[in-house]
C-alpha cells in the first residue's frame, strides 16, 4: 500500500482533479495504472527535446500522455516537470483547427470532465492521430507495416 501511495503522490499532478478523487477512493484498483503513469513520467522528454523531429529520420513524436473528454484529445510529448506541456490538441473533434502547441497542466487538470488515459498504449502522436482519424491524418511510418485497423479504431471511416 505504501508503494501505491508513493506512486500516486509522484504522479498526482498529472491526474485531473475529478479523476484523482475517484482514483484515491479506489487506490488498490488503480495501482497498475499509477505505476504505468510513473514509468511514462520518468521517460517523458523535457520541453524542446523533440524539436525538429519532423525534420529528422525519426519523424514521429512520442505520445507519453493522452488526455480526453468527449471529442477532445490532448496528446503530450514533452513536459517541463512543473506546469507546461507540449503536444498536439484536437478540441471538440475540430480536426481542421487541431494543432501543435504548449498548454498548461493546471488548466487541463482543472477541467471537471477531463481524464488522463490510464490505459494509453505507447505509440507516436502521429500514430495515435491516424488510428483515431485515418481519413484525416497521413499514415505514419511506424504504422506502414500494419494493414488494417480494428473496428473500434475506425472513427471517421465511411462505411
C-alpha atoms as a PDB file:
ATOM      1  CA  UNK A   1       0.000   0.000   0.000  1.00  0.00           C
ATOM      2  CA  UNK A   2       2.881   2.410   0.734  1.00  0.00           C
ATOM      3  CA  UNK A   3       4.250   1.883  -2.786  1.00  0.00           C
ATOM      4  CA  UNK A   4       0.833   2.763  -4.195  1.00  0.00           C
ATOM      5  CA  UNK A   5       0.628   5.974  -2.158  1.00  0.00           C
ATOM      6  CA  UNK A   6       4.181   6.978  -3.102  1.00  0.00           C
ATOM      7  CA  UNK A   7       3.442   6.410  -6.764  1.00  0.00           C
ATOM      8  CA  UNK A   8       0.115   8.245  -6.509  1.00  0.00           C
ATOM      9  CA  UNK A   9       1.857  11.216  -4.912  1.00  0.00           C
ATOM     10  CA  UNK A  10       4.543  11.264  -7.597  1.00  0.00           C
ATOM     11  CA  UNK A  11       2.061  11.394 -10.476  1.00  0.00           C
ATOM     12  CA  UNK A  12      -0.822  13.194  -8.757  1.00  0.00           C
ATOM     13  CA  UNK A  13      -0.097  16.451 -10.577  1.00  0.00           C
ATOM     14  CA  UNK A  14      -0.784  14.729 -13.915  1.00  0.00           C
ATOM     15  CA  UNK A  15      -4.223  13.438 -12.966  1.00  0.00           C
ATOM     16  CA  UNK A  16      -7.264  15.706 -13.403  1.00  0.00           C
ATOM     17  CA  UNK A  17      -8.851  16.533 -10.047  1.00  0.00           C
ATOM     18  CA  UNK A  18     -12.138  14.680 -10.558  1.00  0.00           C
ATOM     19  CA  UNK A  19     -10.390  11.560 -11.795  1.00  0.00           C
ATOM     20  CA  UNK A  20      -7.857  11.777  -8.962  1.00  0.00           C
ATOM     21  CA  UNK A  21     -10.639  11.753  -6.341  1.00  0.00           C
ATOM     22  CA  UNK A  22     -12.038   8.512  -7.786  1.00  0.00           C
ATOM     23  CA  UNK A  23      -8.550   7.039  -8.124  1.00  0.00           C
ATOM     24  CA  UNK A  24      -7.697   7.690  -4.469  1.00  0.00           C
ATOM     25  CA  UNK A  25     -11.064   6.349  -3.330  1.00  0.00           C
ATOM     26  CA  UNK A  26     -10.274   3.067  -5.113  1.00  0.00           C
ATOM     27  CA  UNK A  27      -6.479   3.208  -4.889  1.00  0.00           C
ATOM     28  CA  UNK A  28      -5.837  -0.529  -4.999  1.00  0.00           C
ATOM     29  CA  UNK A  29      -7.831  -0.902  -8.221  1.00  0.00           C
ATOM     30  CA  UNK A  30      -5.651   1.744  -9.871  1.00  0.00           C
ATOM     31  CA  UNK A  31      -2.246   0.534  -8.672  1.00  0.00           C
ATOM     32  CA  UNK A  32      -1.142  -0.777 -12.064  1.00  0.00           C
ATOM     33  CA  UNK A  33      -2.346   2.378 -13.833  1.00  0.00           C
ATOM     34  CA  UNK A  34      -0.451   4.629 -11.428  1.00  0.00           C
ATOM     35  CA  UNK A  35       2.732   2.627 -11.804  1.00  0.00           C
ATOM     36  CA  UNK A  36       2.326   2.915 -15.581  1.00  0.00           C
ATOM     37  CA  UNK A  37       1.931   6.695 -15.343  1.00  0.00           C
ATOM     38  CA  UNK A  38       5.030   6.879 -13.174  1.00  0.00           C
ATOM     39  CA  UNK A  39       7.051   4.936 -15.762  1.00  0.00           C
ATOM     40  CA  UNK A  40       5.838   7.198 -18.566  1.00  0.00           C
ATOM     41  CA  UNK A  41       6.610  10.284 -16.475  1.00  0.00           C
ATOM     42  CA  UNK A  42      10.160   9.049 -15.887  1.00  0.00           C
ATOM     43  CA  UNK A  43      10.838   8.767 -19.618  1.00  0.00           C
ATOM     44  CA  UNK A  44       8.892  11.833 -20.752  1.00  0.00           C
ATOM     45  CA  UNK A  45      11.067  14.232 -22.773  1.00  0.00           C
ATOM     46  CA  UNK A  46      11.607  17.695 -21.315  1.00  0.00           C
ATOM     47  CA  UNK A  47      10.483  20.774 -23.224  1.00  0.00           C
ATOM     48  CA  UNK A  48      12.146  21.203 -26.617  1.00  0.00           C
ATOM     49  CA  UNK A  49      13.740  17.737 -26.568  1.00  0.00           C
ATOM     50  CA  UNK A  50      11.592  16.648 -29.510  1.00  0.00           C
ATOM     51  CA  UNK A  51      12.138  19.864 -31.528  1.00  0.00           C
ATOM     52  CA  UNK A  52      12.895  19.114 -35.144  1.00  0.00           C
ATOM     53  CA  UNK A  53      11.687  15.507 -35.027  1.00  0.00           C
ATOM     54  CA  UNK A  54       9.609  16.034 -38.182  1.00  0.00           C
ATOM     55  CA  UNK A  55      12.775  17.143 -39.955  1.00  0.00           C
ATOM     56  CA  UNK A  56      14.808  14.084 -38.950  1.00  0.00           C
ATOM     57  CA  UNK A  57      14.689  10.395 -39.750  1.00  0.00           C
ATOM     58  CA  UNK A  58      12.597   9.751 -36.613  1.00  0.00           C
ATOM     59  CA  UNK A  59       9.760  11.973 -37.858  1.00  0.00           C
ATOM     60  CA  UNK A  60       7.375  10.995 -35.065  1.00  0.00           C
ATOM     61  CA  UNK A  61       6.809  12.390 -31.573  1.00  0.00           C
ATOM     62  CA  UNK A  62       6.369  10.042 -28.598  1.00  0.00           C
ATOM     63  CA  UNK A  63       2.840  10.184 -27.186  1.00  0.00           C
ATOM     64  CA  UNK A  64       3.631   9.964 -23.493  1.00  0.00           C
ATOM     65  CA  UNK A  65       0.260  11.031 -22.067  1.00  0.00           C
ATOM     66  CA  UNK A  66      -3.235  11.243 -23.533  1.00  0.00           C
ATOM     67  CA  UNK A  67      -5.939  13.441 -22.006  1.00  0.00           C
ATOM     68  CA  UNK A  68      -9.507  13.243 -23.263  1.00  0.00           C
ATOM     69  CA  UNK A  69     -13.145  14.156 -22.814  1.00  0.00           C
ATOM     70  CA  UNK A  70     -15.859  13.919 -25.431  1.00  0.00           C
ATOM     71  CA  UNK A  71     -14.263  14.600 -28.812  1.00  0.00           C
ATOM     72  CA  UNK A  72     -11.317  16.465 -27.267  1.00  0.00           C
ATOM     73  CA  UNK A  73      -7.912  14.767 -27.289  1.00  0.00           C
ATOM     74  CA  UNK A  74      -4.635  16.146 -25.970  1.00  0.00           C
ATOM     75  CA  UNK A  75      -1.523  14.119 -26.799  1.00  0.00           C
ATOM     76  CA  UNK A  76       1.544  15.118 -24.784  1.00  0.00           C
ATOM     77  CA  UNK A  77       5.127  14.546 -25.940  1.00  0.00           C
ATOM     78  CA  UNK A  78       7.017  16.938 -23.627  1.00  0.00           C
ATOM     79  CA  UNK A  79       6.643  18.106 -20.018  1.00  0.00           C
ATOM     80  CA  UNK A  80       8.761  20.576 -18.067  1.00  0.00           C
ATOM     81  CA  UNK A  81       8.037  18.777 -14.774  1.00  0.00           C
ATOM     82  CA  UNK A  82       6.065  21.740 -13.442  1.00  0.00           C
ATOM     83  CA  UNK A  83       3.146  23.117 -15.463  1.00  0.00           C
ATOM     84  CA  UNK A  84       3.988  23.301 -19.156  1.00  0.00           C
ATOM     85  CA  UNK A  85       3.157  20.558 -21.633  1.00  0.00           C
ATOM     86  CA  UNK A  86       3.808  20.389 -25.363  1.00  0.00           C
ATOM     87  CA  UNK A  87       1.861  18.229 -27.747  1.00  0.00           C
ATOM     88  CA  UNK A  88      -0.997  18.001 -30.204  1.00  0.00           C
ATOM     89  CA  UNK A  89      -4.555  19.078 -29.332  1.00  0.00           C
ATOM     90  CA  UNK A  90      -7.858  18.321 -31.027  1.00  0.00           C
ATOM     91  CA  UNK A  91     -10.630  20.402 -29.443  1.00  0.00           C
ATOM     92  CA  UNK A  92     -14.184  19.112 -29.812  1.00  0.00           C
ATOM     93  CA  UNK A  93     -13.293  16.979 -32.819  1.00  0.00           C
ATOM     94  CA  UNK A  94     -12.317  20.054 -34.877  1.00  0.00           C
ATOM     95  CA  UNK A  95      -9.629  18.379 -36.980  1.00  0.00           C
ATOM     96  CA  UNK A  96      -9.101  21.331 -39.302  1.00  0.00           C
ATOM     97  CA  UNK A  97      -8.026  23.541 -36.404  1.00  0.00           C
ATOM     98  CA  UNK A  98      -6.157  20.895 -34.406  1.00  0.00           C
ATOM     99  CA  UNK A  99      -2.600  21.986 -33.707  1.00  0.00           C
ATOM    100  CA  UNK A 100       0.754  21.517 -32.042  1.00  0.00           C
ATOM    101  CA  UNK A 101       1.435  23.798 -29.112  1.00  0.00           C
ATOM    102  CA  UNK A 102       2.007  24.430 -25.440  1.00  0.00           C
ATOM    103  CA  UNK A 103      -0.647  24.047 -22.786  1.00  0.00           C
ATOM    104  CA  UNK A 104      -0.891  24.367 -19.031  1.00  0.00           C
ATOM    105  CA  UNK A 105      -1.136  21.198 -16.963  1.00  0.00           C
ATOM    106  CA  UNK A 106      -3.006  23.066 -14.219  1.00  0.00           C
ATOM    107  CA  UNK A 107      -5.625  24.222 -16.729  1.00  0.00           C
ATOM    108  CA  UNK A 108      -6.113  20.708 -18.074  1.00  0.00           C
ATOM    109  CA  UNK A 109      -6.380  19.087 -14.642  1.00  0.00           C
ATOM    110  CA  UNK A 110      -8.928  21.679 -13.502  1.00  0.00           C
ATOM    111  CA  UNK A 111     -11.411  20.796 -16.263  1.00  0.00           C
ATOM    112  CA  UNK A 112     -14.027  18.745 -14.353  1.00  0.00           C
ATOM    113  CA  UNK A 113     -14.732  16.238 -17.138  1.00  0.00           C
ATOM    114  CA  UNK A 114     -11.120  15.764 -18.297  1.00  0.00           C
ATOM    115  CA  UNK A 115      -9.394  12.391 -17.862  1.00  0.00           C
ATOM    116  CA  UNK A 116      -5.895  11.097 -18.370  1.00  0.00           C
ATOM    117  CA  UNK A 117      -5.930   7.801 -20.231  1.00  0.00           C
ATOM    118  CA  UNK A 118      -4.614   5.239 -17.751  1.00  0.00           C
ATOM    119  CA  UNK A 119      -4.527   2.577 -20.470  1.00  0.00           C
ATOM    120  CA  UNK A 120      -2.945   4.575 -23.287  1.00  0.00           C
ATOM    121  CA  UNK A 121      -0.525   2.388 -25.224  1.00  0.00           C
ATOM    122  CA  UNK A 122       2.924   3.661 -26.074  1.00  0.00           C
ATOM    123  CA  UNK A 123       2.953   4.995 -29.626  1.00  0.00           C
ATOM    124  CA  UNK A 124       3.716   8.168 -31.510  1.00  0.00           C
ATOM    125  CA  UNK A 125       1.351  11.124 -31.595  1.00  0.00           C
ATOM    126  CA  UNK A 126       1.256  10.718 -35.350  1.00  0.00           C
ATOM    127  CA  UNK A 127       0.152   7.078 -34.969  1.00  0.00           C
ATOM    128  CA  UNK A 128      -2.480   7.962 -32.359  1.00  0.00           C
ATOM    129  CA  UNK A 129      -3.939  10.671 -34.628  1.00  0.00           C
ATOM    130  CA  UNK A 130      -4.034   8.355 -37.617  1.00  0.00           C
ATOM    131  CA  UNK A 131      -5.602   5.473 -35.689  1.00  0.00           C
ATOM    132  CA  UNK A 132      -8.333   7.766 -34.439  1.00  0.00           C
ATOM    133  CA  UNK A 133      -8.941   9.669 -37.675  1.00  0.00           C
ATOM    134  CA  UNK A 134      -7.466   7.703 -40.615  1.00  0.00           C
ATOM    135  CA  UNK A 135      -9.344   9.728 -43.231  1.00  0.00           C
ATOM    136  CA  UNK A 136      -7.849  12.985 -41.994  1.00  0.00           C
ATOM    137  CA  UNK A 137      -4.249  12.265 -40.998  1.00  0.00           C
ATOM    138  CA  UNK A 138      -1.458  10.717 -43.034  1.00  0.00           C
ATOM    139  CA  UNK A 139      -0.408   7.181 -42.072  1.00  0.00           C
ATOM    140  CA  UNK A 140       2.909   7.468 -40.201  1.00  0.00           C
ATOM    141  CA  UNK A 141       5.948   5.320 -40.918  1.00  0.00           C
ATOM    142  CA  UNK A 142       5.522   3.455 -37.630  1.00  0.00           C
ATOM    143  CA  UNK A 143       2.229   2.020 -38.919  1.00  0.00           C
ATOM    144  CA  UNK A 144       3.219   1.306 -42.517  1.00  0.00           C
ATOM    145  CA  UNK A 145       3.555  -2.432 -41.820  1.00  0.00           C
ATOM    146  CA  UNK A 146       0.040  -2.642 -40.359  1.00  0.00           C
ATOM    147  CA  UNK A 147      -2.599  -3.241 -42.991  1.00  0.00           C
ATOM    148  CA  UNK A 148      -5.992  -2.938 -41.294  1.00  0.00           C
ATOM    149  CA  UNK A 149      -7.477  -1.136 -38.328  1.00  0.00           C
ATOM    150  CA  UNK A 150      -9.587  -2.817 -35.677  1.00  0.00           C
ATOM    151  CA  UNK A 151     -13.261  -1.719 -35.953  1.00  0.00           C
ATOM    152  CA  UNK A 152     -13.100   0.141 -32.634  1.00  0.00           C
ATOM    153  CA  UNK A 153     -10.381   2.393 -34.071  1.00  0.00           C
ATOM    154  CA  UNK A 154     -12.123   3.272 -37.320  1.00  0.00           C
ATOM    155  CA  UNK A 155     -13.581   6.628 -36.240  1.00  0.00           C
ATOM    156  CA  UNK A 156     -14.068   8.811 -39.280  1.00  0.00           C
ATOM    157  CA  UNK A 157     -14.046   5.997 -41.860  1.00  0.00           C
ATOM    158  CA  UNK A 158     -17.062   5.875 -44.160  1.00  0.00           C
ATOM    159  CA  UNK A 159     -18.856   2.553 -44.400  1.00  0.00           C
END
